[in-house]
Structures are given as C-alpha cells and as structure tokens.
Amino acid sequence: MPNFNPAHAASRRALLCCGAGVLGAALAPKLLRAEVAATAPAPSLGAMICHPLLATTLYRHQVGGDVAPDGAAGANRSGYRYIEEQRQGAEWIVRGLATSKPDWVAQGWRILDWGVARQQPDGGFGGDDAFHSTSFFVEALARSCLLDKAGATPLRLDCARRGAEWLMQPEIEAQGAKGNAPFTHRRYVLAAALGEAAAAAGDKAAEARAALWAKEGISLQQPDGTDPERGGYDAGYQMAGVLYALRYLPVCKDAGLRGDLRAALRRAVAPELARQRPDGGIDAEGSTRVGLESARSGKTKDMPYHEIIQALVFGAQALPAPEWAEPAERIARNRGW
C-alpha cells in the first residue's frame, strides 16, 4: 500500500462524490471509512492487553519459575550472558496489570531492574549477541514504562532512552544489522523498541529510526505474505514479527505507515491461519527455524503460542480484524489456558 497522501485522498473522494453519479455517492462514505480505519491511530497497548480473551486465558497464568531471588532470569541465573533474558519482566507486568495482581507487577519490575543495573556507561549492556539482545530488553523496558506509569521512574526511563541511543549509534547499528539480516522479525523488534522508547522518553530521533525499521520490515515481505526467516517461512517467527509490529503500531505517528503496516499484517497472518488445525494447533511443517534451532536454554525451539495468541487478539482490535478472535480462542483451548 502506498503512503497516505491527503491531497490524493481528497481527489479520490471528490471523484466519487461528484463525477461518479448516484452509485459513486453511495460508495464514497464506505471508502472514506475504510481509508480512515487504515490510517487512524491504533488503540493503546494498555487497552489491548485488557481484552477478556487474554485476561481469562493466557494472562491468568504466571510467566514461569526461572527467576532467581535477586531477579536474574533464564540463562542469567548461572551468570550474566544475555540481557534479553530479563525481558520476561515485561510479561509479568502485562499479566499483573491485566488481571489486577500487583505482586506480579512488582515481580516484573524486579526482573527488569536486574537488567537496568547492568547498563554500561555507553548505554549498552554487554553480554552475548549484544545488539539483538539489547533491542529485546529496551523494548520490554520501554513497553513496561508505557503500561505502568507509576513504575516509569526517572532511572528506568533514562535506561530505556540510553539503550535506544546505543542501538542507533552508526557503527553499532551497522554491525548489528549484519547479524539481523536473515531475520525479518528483528526489524519489528527494533521498531517496537525504539518507538516505545521514544513514546516513553520523548526521543524524536528514536521515533524516526523506528519508522525506518518498520518500513524495512514491510519491504521484505513476499507476495504470499511470508516475512522471511533464514530465507523461508517459519510458523513461529512469522507471528513473533506480527506481535512486535502490533506493539509498535500504537506509538506510530505516521498515518501512511500505519496504513502500510496494517496491510502487511493482514497479509502476514493469512498464511499462518491457513496452517491452523481444527484442534487449534499450528502446523510447523517446513518451518525454517522452529523445531530446528536451539533456544538460549538449550531446548529446541517450539511454537510460541503465547506470542501467537497475543498477536491475534491485538490485531483483532488494532486493524481491526475481529475474525481473528476465533482462531485465538481455539489456541487457548488447545493449550489448556
């Protein structure tokens, strides 16, 4: 979809209303409503996480037990390796806010603060796979600050801002982009990280760079809706990319980009839903990463149903695509949530 141009839009409406007769006049309001819906601001992420389908299924369950008493999570429990492991703090906060559990919100901030304390003077976090890992953590921290205003302390906001600035340093970004090249979803991780950090901390440079990452993600999409991961379709990372794009959409200030992004998301979800079985599961056959690669834990990567259901429910509200609620419900039943 081309970028939205108000002058072109006005010309199309004038043609419909003035030059196309009674039929054109009847169709014009419908076209205008569709155009506005495509480019209009999305609901806030805070509103979208409160959808009852999520609150009564996925969000009523704890995130997991792989957290040390000091807040170190995942692989970091046995020594600091990946700052991204601390991103699960945001999931605790999301679920705590959606289900009114302040102890879960507190747990989330404890996990994120463990990561905040590891920020280096240059704004980075060191550790393994530093660029990609930092993008994950900055996104989680900035999202949490946007969702929980009471928890958005100056220290946490400054950490998100400095982390975003580190991700935009030319030499660091250039090196990181090389590692990210085979993975479309990583463009949307960066768009969400920088866009949310910009919205939380008021950084215009991060806002502009986020839009460019989102546009790059859209440009990589293939005609059949595939967002390539290692050169092909992956049933897990396809929807991980959709989820991060939907986290970016509410903070995207470019109307034309919002329209382009909504169109790309519709195309991306169609092949995924075509893989859904009657029992609600997703067929991962032929995926380029799920079932083949190892996660940070050493386990083989499996279908990220917790991300898929959120992507479908957020998209149902933000595009809007209400028909996506039914496959989301089938996933919830399949997983016993």
Protein backbone atom coordinates (compact mmCIF):
# COMPACT_ATOMS: atom_id res chain seq x y z
CA MET A 1 0.00 0.00 0.00
CA PRO A 2 1.47 3.42 -0.92
CA ASN A 3 1.96 6.05 1.74
CA PHE A 4 -1.16 8.02 2.60
CA ASN A 5 -1.33 11.37 0.79
CA PRO A 6 -4.12 13.72 1.95
CA ALA A 7 -4.25 15.51 -1.40
CA HIS A 8 -4.68 12.26 -3.31
CA ALA A 9 -7.29 11.09 -0.82
CA ALA A 10 -9.27 14.30 -1.31
CA SER A 11 -9.15 13.84 -5.08
CA ARG A 12 -10.48 10.30 -4.82
CA ARG A 13 -13.35 11.43 -2.61
CA ALA A 14 -14.20 14.29 -4.97
CA LEU A 15 -14.26 11.91 -7.93
CA LEU A 16 -16.57 9.53 -6.15
CA CYS A 17 -18.99 12.17 -4.92
CA CYS A 18 -19.07 14.50 -7.91
CA GLY A 19 -18.18 12.54 -11.01
CA ALA A 20 -19.44 9.01 -10.48
CA GLY A 21 -23.18 9.59 -10.12
CA VAL A 22 -25.53 8.04 -7.59
CA LEU A 23 -23.53 4.83 -7.21
CA GLY A 24 -20.32 6.77 -6.55
CA ALA A 25 -22.04 8.95 -3.97
CA ALA A 26 -23.34 5.86 -2.20
CA LEU A 27 -19.91 4.21 -2.12
CA ALA A 28 -17.94 7.29 -1.05
CA PRO A 29 -18.74 7.12 2.70
CA LYS A 30 -17.75 3.44 2.79
CA LEU A 31 -14.43 4.17 1.09
CA LEU A 32 -13.76 7.09 3.40
CA ARG A 33 -14.46 4.97 6.48
CA ALA A 34 -12.09 2.25 5.23
CA GLU A 35 -9.40 4.81 4.49
CA VAL A 36 -9.70 6.38 7.92
CA ALA A 37 -9.65 2.97 9.61
CA ALA A 38 -6.45 2.00 7.79
CA THR A 39 -4.54 5.13 8.75
CA ALA A 40 -6.14 6.03 12.09
CA PRO A 41 -4.21 5.71 15.36
CA ALA A 42 -4.40 2.25 16.90
CA PRO A 43 -5.79 1.57 20.38
CA SER A 44 -3.17 1.88 23.09
CA LEU A 45 -1.34 -1.25 24.13
CA GLY A 46 -2.75 -0.71 27.62
CA ALA A 47 -6.25 -1.00 26.23
CA MET A 48 -5.44 -4.04 24.10
CA ILE A 49 -3.92 -6.13 26.91
CA CYS A 50 -7.20 -5.82 28.83
CA HIS A 51 -9.14 -7.86 26.27
CA PRO A 52 -11.11 -10.51 28.21
CA LEU A 53 -9.90 -13.31 25.92
CA LEU A 54 -6.34 -12.74 27.16
CA ALA A 55 -7.23 -11.90 30.77
CA THR A 56 -9.20 -15.14 31.19
CA THR A 57 -6.74 -17.44 29.39
CA LEU A 58 -3.01 -16.76 28.92
CA TYR A 59 -2.71 -13.85 31.33
CA ARG A 60 -4.16 -15.71 34.31
CA HIS A 61 -1.08 -17.95 34.36
CA GLN A 62 2.30 -16.98 35.81
CA VAL A 63 5.09 -16.39 33.33
CA GLY A 64 7.37 -19.09 34.72
CA GLY A 65 9.64 -20.02 37.58
CA ASP A 66 13.08 -19.44 36.06
CA VAL A 67 13.89 -16.37 38.17
CA ALA A 68 16.47 -16.15 40.94
CA PRO A 69 15.72 -14.28 44.19
CA ASP A 70 17.79 -11.31 43.01
CA GLY A 71 15.81 -11.03 39.74
CA ALA A 72 18.22 -12.78 37.37
CA ALA A 73 16.15 -14.65 34.81
CA GLY A 74 16.68 -17.58 32.48
CA ALA A 75 20.27 -18.17 31.44
CA ASN A 76 21.41 -15.23 33.60
CA ARG A 77 20.71 -17.23 36.77
CA SER A 78 24.04 -19.00 36.35
CA GLY A 79 25.97 -15.88 35.33
CA TYR A 80 25.21 -12.89 33.14
CA ARG A 81 25.04 -13.73 29.44
CA TYR A 82 22.02 -12.23 27.67
CA ILE A 83 20.26 -9.03 28.71
CA GLU A 84 17.23 -10.22 26.71
CA GLU A 85 16.54 -12.89 29.34
CA GLN A 86 15.29 -10.10 31.59
CA ARG A 87 12.53 -9.18 29.12
CA GLN A 88 10.22 -11.66 30.83
CA GLY A 89 9.79 -8.94 33.42
CA ALA A 90 7.54 -7.13 30.96
CA GLU A 91 5.36 -10.23 30.64
CA TRP A 92 4.89 -10.32 34.41
CA ILE A 93 3.87 -6.66 34.33
CA VAL A 94 1.43 -7.18 31.44
CA ARG A 95 -0.27 -10.09 33.15
CA GLY A 96 -0.29 -8.36 36.51
CA LEU A 97 -1.93 -5.25 35.10
CA ALA A 98 -4.46 -7.20 33.03
CA THR A 99 -5.54 -9.38 35.97
CA SER A 100 -5.09 -6.88 38.83
CA LYS A 101 -2.20 -8.69 40.53
CA PRO A 102 0.17 -6.05 41.95
CA ASP A 103 2.58 -8.73 43.19
CA TRP A 104 3.10 -9.86 39.59
CA VAL A 105 3.78 -6.26 38.56
CA ALA A 106 6.33 -5.96 41.37
CA GLN A 107 7.97 -9.21 40.25
CA GLY A 108 8.22 -7.84 36.73
CA TRP A 109 9.97 -4.68 37.84
CA ARG A 110 12.37 -6.68 39.99
CA ILE A 111 13.39 -8.69 36.93
CA LEU A 112 13.72 -5.61 34.72
CA ASP A 113 15.66 -3.71 37.38
CA TRP A 114 18.23 -6.51 37.45
CA GLY A 115 18.81 -5.66 33.80
CA VAL A 116 18.76 -1.89 34.36
CA ALA A 117 21.59 -2.33 36.87
CA ARG A 118 23.74 -3.95 34.14
CA GLN A 119 23.62 -0.97 31.78
CA GLN A 120 27.09 0.25 30.87
CA PRO A 121 28.23 3.90 30.66
CA ASP A 122 27.81 3.91 26.86
CA GLY A 123 24.16 2.81 27.14
CA GLY A 124 24.74 -0.79 26.08
CA PHE A 125 24.59 -3.91 28.22
CA GLY A 126 27.44 -6.09 27.01
CA GLY A 127 26.92 -9.83 27.14
CA ASP A 128 26.38 -12.19 24.24
CA ASP A 129 24.62 -11.21 20.99
CA ALA A 130 24.66 -7.68 22.35
CA PHE A 131 22.76 -5.75 19.65
CA HIS A 132 19.81 -8.10 19.23
CA SER A 133 19.69 -8.89 22.94
CA THR A 134 19.64 -5.19 23.82
CA SER A 135 16.82 -4.50 21.36
CA PHE A 136 14.69 -7.10 23.16
CA PHE A 137 15.42 -5.62 26.58
CA VAL A 138 14.88 -1.99 25.57
CA GLU A 139 11.53 -2.95 24.05
CA ALA A 140 10.45 -4.77 27.21
CA LEU A 141 11.56 -1.93 29.48
CA ALA A 142 10.01 0.84 27.37
CA ARG A 143 6.75 -1.11 26.98
CA SER A 144 6.57 -1.59 30.74
CA CYS A 145 7.11 2.13 31.32
CA LEU A 146 4.26 2.93 28.93
CA LEU A 147 1.91 0.41 30.51
CA ASP A 148 2.68 1.10 34.17
CA LYS A 149 3.03 4.87 34.53
CA ALA A 150 3.56 4.57 38.28
CA GLY A 151 6.56 2.32 37.64
CA ALA A 152 8.11 4.57 34.99
CA THR A 153 10.73 6.06 37.32
CA PRO A 154 13.37 8.51 36.02
CA LEU A 155 16.02 5.78 36.32
CA ARG A 156 14.02 3.29 34.23
CA LEU A 157 13.08 5.88 31.63
CA ASP A 158 16.69 7.03 31.36
CA CYS A 159 17.80 3.43 30.90
CA ALA A 160 15.34 2.95 28.03
CA ARG A 161 16.40 6.22 26.40
CA ARG A 162 20.14 5.48 26.68
CA GLY A 163 19.61 1.92 25.44
CA ALA A 164 17.76 3.25 22.39
CA GLU A 165 20.55 5.73 21.73
CA TRP A 166 23.10 2.89 21.89
CA LEU A 167 21.10 0.90 19.33
CA MET A 168 21.22 3.91 16.99
CA GLN A 169 24.97 4.55 17.17
CA PRO A 170 26.05 4.20 13.50
CA GLU A 171 28.90 1.73 14.00
CA ILE A 172 26.90 -0.39 16.44
CA GLU A 173 23.79 -0.34 14.27
CA ALA A 174 25.76 -1.25 11.14
CA GLN A 175 27.32 -4.28 12.82
CA GLY A 176 24.01 -5.32 14.37
CA ALA A 177 22.19 -5.01 11.06
CA LYS A 178 24.53 -7.59 9.55
CA GLY A 179 23.57 -10.15 12.17
CA ASN A 180 19.88 -9.27 11.80
CA ALA A 181 19.84 -9.51 8.01
CA PRO A 182 18.29 -13.03 7.64
CA PHE A 183 15.51 -12.33 10.16
CA THR A 184 12.57 -10.14 9.18
CA HIS A 185 11.03 -10.15 12.66
CA ARG A 186 14.07 -8.40 14.09
CA ARG A 187 13.16 -5.25 12.13
CA TYR A 188 9.89 -5.14 14.03
CA VAL A 189 11.63 -5.78 17.35
CA LEU A 190 13.75 -2.69 16.67
CA ALA A 191 10.74 -0.67 15.51
CA ALA A 192 8.92 -1.51 18.73
CA ALA A 193 11.97 -0.94 20.94
CA LEU A 194 12.81 2.47 19.51
CA GLY A 195 9.20 3.54 19.00
CA GLU A 196 8.17 2.66 22.54
CA ALA A 197 11.33 4.22 23.99
CA ALA A 198 10.56 7.39 22.02
CA ALA A 199 6.99 7.43 23.30
CA ALA A 200 8.09 6.86 26.90
CA ALA A 201 11.07 9.23 26.96
CA GLY A 202 10.25 11.73 24.19
CA ASP A 203 13.20 10.93 21.90
CA LYS A 204 12.44 12.22 18.37
CA ALA A 205 15.50 10.54 16.86
CA ALA A 206 14.34 7.15 18.13
CA GLU A 207 10.83 7.84 16.80
CA ALA A 208 12.19 8.50 13.29
CA ARG A 209 14.52 5.47 13.31
CA ALA A 210 11.71 3.20 14.49
CA ALA A 211 9.65 4.15 11.44
CA LEU A 212 12.54 3.27 9.14
CA TRP A 213 12.93 -0.16 10.72
CA ALA A 214 9.20 -0.80 10.31
CA LYS A 215 9.35 0.23 6.66
CA GLU A 216 12.29 -2.10 6.10
CA GLY A 217 10.31 -4.97 7.63
CA ILE A 218 7.37 -4.26 5.33
CA SER A 219 9.69 -4.11 2.30
CA LEU A 220 10.96 -7.64 2.98
CA GLN A 221 7.51 -9.24 2.84
CA GLN A 222 6.96 -11.64 -0.06
CA PRO A 223 3.80 -11.58 -2.22
CA ASP A 224 2.29 -14.58 -0.39
CA GLY A 225 2.65 -12.81 2.98
CA THR A 226 5.84 -14.57 4.07
CA ASP A 227 8.12 -12.47 6.26
CA PRO A 228 11.31 -14.44 5.56
CA GLU A 229 13.35 -16.04 8.32
CA ARG A 230 16.54 -17.63 7.02
CA GLY A 231 15.14 -17.43 3.51
CA GLY A 232 11.72 -19.01 4.05
CA TYR A 233 8.57 -19.29 6.11
CA ASP A 234 8.74 -20.01 9.81
CA ALA A 235 5.43 -20.62 11.57
CA GLY A 236 6.75 -19.30 14.88
CA TYR A 237 8.79 -16.25 13.93
CA GLN A 238 6.17 -15.14 11.39
CA MET A 239 3.84 -14.37 14.29
CA ALA A 240 6.57 -13.09 16.58
CA GLY A 241 7.15 -10.41 13.95
CA VAL A 242 3.43 -9.68 13.80
CA LEU A 243 3.31 -9.26 17.58
CA TYR A 244 6.20 -6.80 17.69
CA ALA A 245 4.73 -4.86 14.77
CA LEU A 246 1.47 -4.61 16.72
CA ARG A 247 3.34 -3.32 19.76
CA TYR A 248 4.83 -0.64 17.53
CA LEU A 249 1.57 0.32 15.81
CA PRO A 250 0.05 2.21 18.80
CA VAL A 251 3.10 4.51 19.04
CA CYS A 252 3.49 5.02 15.27
CA LYS A 253 2.70 8.66 14.44
CA ASP A 254 2.94 8.33 10.64
CA ALA A 255 -0.58 7.81 9.23
CA GLY A 256 0.68 6.41 5.94
CA LEU A 257 2.97 3.96 7.68
CA ARG A 258 0.09 2.81 9.89
CA GLY A 259 -1.88 2.01 6.75
CA ASP A 260 1.03 0.16 5.17
CA LEU A 261 1.68 -1.75 8.35
CA ARG A 262 -1.94 -2.82 8.75
CA ALA A 263 -1.98 -4.13 5.17
CA ALA A 264 1.27 -6.03 5.72
CA LEU A 265 -0.06 -7.55 8.94
CA ARG A 266 -3.18 -8.82 7.21
CA ARG A 267 -1.02 -10.46 4.57
CA ALA A 268 1.32 -11.94 7.19
CA VAL A 269 -1.41 -13.56 9.29
CA ALA A 270 -3.28 -15.17 6.38
CA PRO A 271 -0.73 -17.97 5.71
CA GLU A 272 -0.42 -18.65 9.43
CA LEU A 273 -4.16 -19.14 9.88
CA ALA A 274 -4.13 -21.45 6.86
CA ARG A 275 -1.85 -23.71 8.93
CA GLN A 276 -4.19 -23.89 11.92
CA ARG A 277 -5.62 -27.35 12.52
CA PRO A 278 -9.20 -27.97 13.73
CA ASP A 279 -7.85 -28.59 17.25
CA GLY A 280 -6.34 -25.10 17.33
CA GLY A 281 -2.70 -26.13 16.91
CA ILE A 282 -0.48 -24.67 14.19
CA ASP A 283 1.29 -26.90 11.67
CA ALA A 284 5.00 -26.06 11.80
CA GLU A 285 5.94 -28.39 8.94
CA GLY A 286 8.59 -26.87 6.70
CA SER A 287 9.48 -24.06 9.09
CA THR A 288 12.99 -22.70 8.73
CA ARG A 289 13.69 -22.27 12.46
CA VAL A 290 11.09 -23.79 14.82
CA GLY A 291 11.92 -27.42 15.53
CA LEU A 292 15.44 -26.96 14.17
CA GLU A 293 17.25 -24.34 16.23
CA SER A 294 18.07 -24.29 19.93
CA ALA A 295 16.81 -21.58 22.27
CA ARG A 296 19.03 -19.80 24.82
CA SER A 297 18.03 -22.53 27.30
CA GLY A 298 19.44 -25.21 25.01
CA LYS A 299 16.00 -26.66 24.26
CA THR A 300 14.77 -26.99 20.69
CA LYS A 301 12.60 -24.04 19.71
CA ASP A 302 8.88 -24.81 19.77
CA MET A 303 5.82 -22.92 18.58
CA PRO A 304 5.47 -19.66 20.58
CA TYR A 305 1.73 -19.97 21.19
CA HIS A 306 1.89 -17.29 23.91
CA GLU A 307 3.04 -14.81 21.25
CA ILE A 308 0.66 -16.07 18.56
CA ILE A 309 -2.48 -15.65 20.69
CA GLN A 310 -1.45 -12.13 21.72
CA ALA A 311 -0.74 -11.19 18.12
CA LEU A 312 -4.18 -12.38 17.04
CA VAL A 313 -6.02 -10.62 19.86
CA PHE A 314 -4.07 -7.37 19.42
CA GLY A 315 -4.65 -7.49 15.67
CA ALA A 316 -8.36 -8.16 16.16
CA GLN A 317 -8.52 -4.81 17.96
CA ALA A 318 -5.89 -2.72 16.17
CA LEU A 319 -6.53 -3.41 12.48
CA PRO A 320 -9.36 -4.20 13.29
CA ALA A 321 -9.71 -7.86 12.30
CA PRO A 322 -12.39 -9.23 14.66
CA GLU A 323 -12.40 -12.54 12.79
CA TRP A 324 -9.02 -13.32 14.36
CA ALA A 325 -10.61 -13.76 17.78
CA GLU A 326 -11.99 -17.20 16.87
CA PRO A 327 -8.60 -18.77 15.96
CA ALA A 328 -7.19 -17.16 19.12
CA GLU A 329 -9.88 -18.90 21.18
CA ARG A 330 -9.01 -22.21 19.52
CA ILE A 331 -5.36 -21.75 20.52
CA ALA A 332 -6.40 -21.07 24.12
CA ARG A 333 -8.45 -24.27 24.18
CA ASN A 334 -5.63 -26.24 22.58
CA ARG A 335 -3.15 -25.07 25.20
CA GLY A 336 -5.50 -25.59 28.13
CA TRP A 337 -5.37 -21.93 29.13
